[in-house]
Protein backbone atom coordinates (compact mmCIF):
# COMPACT_ATOMS: atom_id res chain seq x y z
CA UNK A 1 -118.58 -22.20 -6.25
CA UNK A 2 -114.91 -22.10 -7.28
CA UNK A 3 -112.94 -24.88 -8.96
CA UNK A 4 -109.35 -25.08 -10.18
CA UNK A 5 -107.09 -27.47 -12.08
CA UNK A 6 -103.39 -27.12 -12.91
CA UNK A 7 -100.80 -28.93 -15.00
CA UNK A 8 -97.32 -28.30 -16.36
CA UNK A 9 -96.07 -28.69 -19.93
CA UNK A 10 -92.50 -28.76 -21.17
CA UNK A 11 -92.75 -25.66 -23.35
CA UNK A 12 -91.73 -22.07 -22.88
CA UNK A 13 -94.57 -19.69 -22.12
CA UNK A 14 -94.21 -17.91 -25.49
CA UNK A 15 -94.73 -21.24 -27.29
CA UNK A 16 -97.87 -21.91 -25.26
CA UNK A 17 -99.21 -18.41 -26.01
CA UNK A 18 -98.60 -19.10 -29.72
CA UNK A 19 -100.57 -22.36 -29.53
CA UNK A 20 -103.41 -20.48 -27.83
CA UNK A 21 -103.54 -18.16 -30.84
CA UNK A 22 -104.68 -21.12 -32.99
CA UNK A 23 -108.45 -21.64 -33.30
CA UNK A 24 -107.87 -25.41 -33.17
CA UNK A 25 -106.81 -25.04 -29.53
CA UNK A 26 -110.21 -23.64 -28.58
CA UNK A 27 -112.01 -26.30 -30.60
CA UNK A 28 -110.04 -28.99 -28.73
CA UNK A 29 -111.00 -27.78 -25.25
CA UNK A 30 -114.26 -29.75 -25.18
CA UNK A 31 -115.59 -32.41 -27.58
CA UNK A 32 -117.46 -31.06 -30.60
CA UNK A 33 -116.69 -27.41 -29.78
CA UNK A 34 -116.71 -25.06 -32.73
CA UNK A 35 -115.90 -21.39 -33.09
CA UNK A 36 -118.92 -19.55 -34.44
CA UNK A 37 -117.49 -16.03 -34.42
CA UNK A 38 -114.10 -14.38 -34.01
CA UNK A 39 -113.49 -10.69 -33.47
CA UNK A 40 -109.78 -10.01 -32.94
CA UNK A 41 -108.82 -11.61 -29.63
CA UNK A 42 -112.39 -12.66 -28.81
CA UNK A 43 -113.74 -16.07 -29.84
CA UNK A 44 -117.35 -17.20 -29.45
CA UNK A 45 -117.74 -20.98 -29.19
CA UNK A 46 -120.63 -23.43 -29.12
CA UNK A 47 -120.44 -26.88 -27.51
CA UNK A 48 -123.28 -29.43 -27.45
CA UNK A 49 -124.12 -30.84 -24.01
CA UNK A 50 -126.41 -33.23 -22.21
CA UNK A 51 -126.68 -32.72 -18.43
CA UNK A 52 -129.26 -32.85 -15.69
CA UNK A 53 -131.90 -34.18 -18.07
CA UNK A 54 -131.37 -31.39 -20.59
CA UNK A 55 -129.51 -31.10 -23.85
CA UNK A 56 -128.57 -28.10 -25.89
CA UNK A 57 -125.61 -25.96 -26.83
CA UNK A 58 -123.40 -24.18 -24.32
CA UNK A 59 -122.08 -20.87 -25.62
CA UNK A 60 -118.80 -19.44 -24.33
CA UNK A 61 -116.85 -16.27 -25.05
CA UNK A 62 -113.05 -16.56 -24.77
CA UNK A 63 -110.92 -13.42 -24.64
CA UNK A 64 -107.16 -13.55 -25.10
CA UNK A 65 -105.58 -10.90 -22.88
CA UNK A 66 -102.54 -8.79 -23.79
CA UNK A 67 -100.32 -10.95 -21.53
CA UNK A 68 -101.42 -14.18 -23.29
CA UNK A 69 -103.70 -15.40 -20.50
CA UNK A 70 -107.37 -16.12 -21.25
CA UNK A 71 -110.66 -15.18 -19.68
CA UNK A 72 -113.90 -16.91 -20.53
CA UNK A 73 -117.54 -16.71 -19.65
CA UNK A 74 -120.57 -18.82 -20.39
CA UNK A 75 -123.55 -17.12 -21.95
CA UNK A 76 -126.04 -18.06 -19.23
CA UNK A 77 -129.33 -18.40 -21.07
CA UNK A 78 -130.52 -21.69 -19.58
CA UNK A 79 -131.96 -22.97 -16.34
CA UNK A 80 -128.78 -23.88 -14.44
CA UNK A 81 -126.25 -21.02 -14.40
CA UNK A 82 -126.76 -17.45 -13.30
CA UNK A 83 -123.05 -16.78 -13.99
CA UNK A 84 -120.06 -18.92 -14.97
CA UNK A 85 -116.68 -17.34 -15.60
CA UNK A 86 -113.12 -18.51 -15.66
CA UNK A 87 -109.55 -17.95 -16.66
CA UNK A 88 -106.55 -19.79 -17.97
CA UNK A 89 -103.25 -18.43 -16.66
CA UNK A 90 -99.78 -19.30 -17.89
CA UNK A 91 -96.74 -19.05 -15.62
CA UNK A 92 -93.25 -19.77 -16.96
CA UNK A 93 -90.81 -21.82 -14.92
CA UNK A 94 -87.64 -22.19 -16.99
CA UNK A 95 -88.39 -24.51 -19.93
CA UNK A 96 -91.81 -25.35 -18.45
CA UNK A 97 -95.13 -23.55 -18.27
CA UNK A 98 -97.65 -24.06 -15.50
CA UNK A 99 -101.20 -23.83 -16.85
CA UNK A 100 -103.97 -23.09 -14.34
CA UNK A 101 -107.68 -23.29 -15.19
CA UNK A 102 -110.08 -21.63 -12.78
CA UNK A 103 -113.87 -21.46 -12.88
CA UNK A 104 -116.28 -19.63 -10.66
CA UNK A 105 -120.02 -20.00 -11.00
CA UNK A 106 -123.33 -19.19 -9.38
CA UNK A 107 -126.35 -21.35 -10.08
CA UNK A 108 -129.91 -20.19 -10.45
CA UNK A 109 -132.10 -20.13 -7.33
CA UNK A 110 -133.63 -23.60 -7.66
CA UNK A 111 -130.41 -25.41 -8.68
CA UNK A 112 -128.42 -26.64 -5.66
CA UNK A 113 -124.69 -26.11 -6.14
CA UNK A 114 -124.02 -29.53 -4.65
CA UNK A 115 -125.89 -31.14 -7.56
CA UNK A 116 -123.83 -29.32 -10.19
CA UNK A 117 -120.39 -29.37 -8.50
CA UNK A 118 -119.57 -32.91 -9.69
CA UNK A 119 -120.47 -32.33 -13.35
CA UNK A 120 -118.63 -28.99 -13.35
CA UNK A 121 -115.53 -30.63 -11.80
CA UNK A 122 -115.67 -33.30 -14.55
CA UNK A 123 -115.95 -30.61 -17.22
CA UNK A 124 -112.99 -28.69 -15.79
CA UNK A 125 -110.84 -31.83 -15.68
CA UNK A 126 -111.88 -32.72 -19.24
CA UNK A 127 -110.89 -29.22 -20.36
CA UNK A 128 -107.53 -29.51 -18.57
CA UNK A 129 -106.81 -32.95 -20.07
CA UNK A 130 -107.74 -31.81 -23.59
CA UNK A 131 -105.69 -28.65 -23.26
CA UNK A 132 -102.69 -30.56 -21.90
CA UNK A 133 -102.78 -32.98 -24.87
CA UNK A 134 -103.10 -30.10 -27.32
CA UNK A 135 -100.15 -28.22 -25.80
CA UNK A 136 -97.96 -31.34 -25.67
CA UNK A 137 -98.71 -32.41 -29.24
CA UNK A 138 -98.96 -29.11 -31.14
């Protein structure tokens, strides 16, 4: 399953890359997210969740690439995801930057993708909205 969300901010790409270098940007992506480990351009985050009758902590690893874009992956240690990866790309257009969030995931054998598509879409939109606010107000 693949999902995508895009938005544009009135900032040059270099400014956006600078904002992405701040730990507070990663902590703002989802409510109650915290960075638990940082190794150079790699950040490990933990976010509490409640979904599909379960609660726990979702762990993600975000890697800032040389070009300023991001890649991320969920540590899939639960009952829903076999794999969940994504990226945040930044494309400059004059004084604006187009930010695209993409996620691709595969669920475990007994979890129908149709059941998880809606919650994942909501999570992606929440991430995009939080990121947009952070980039506009930083």
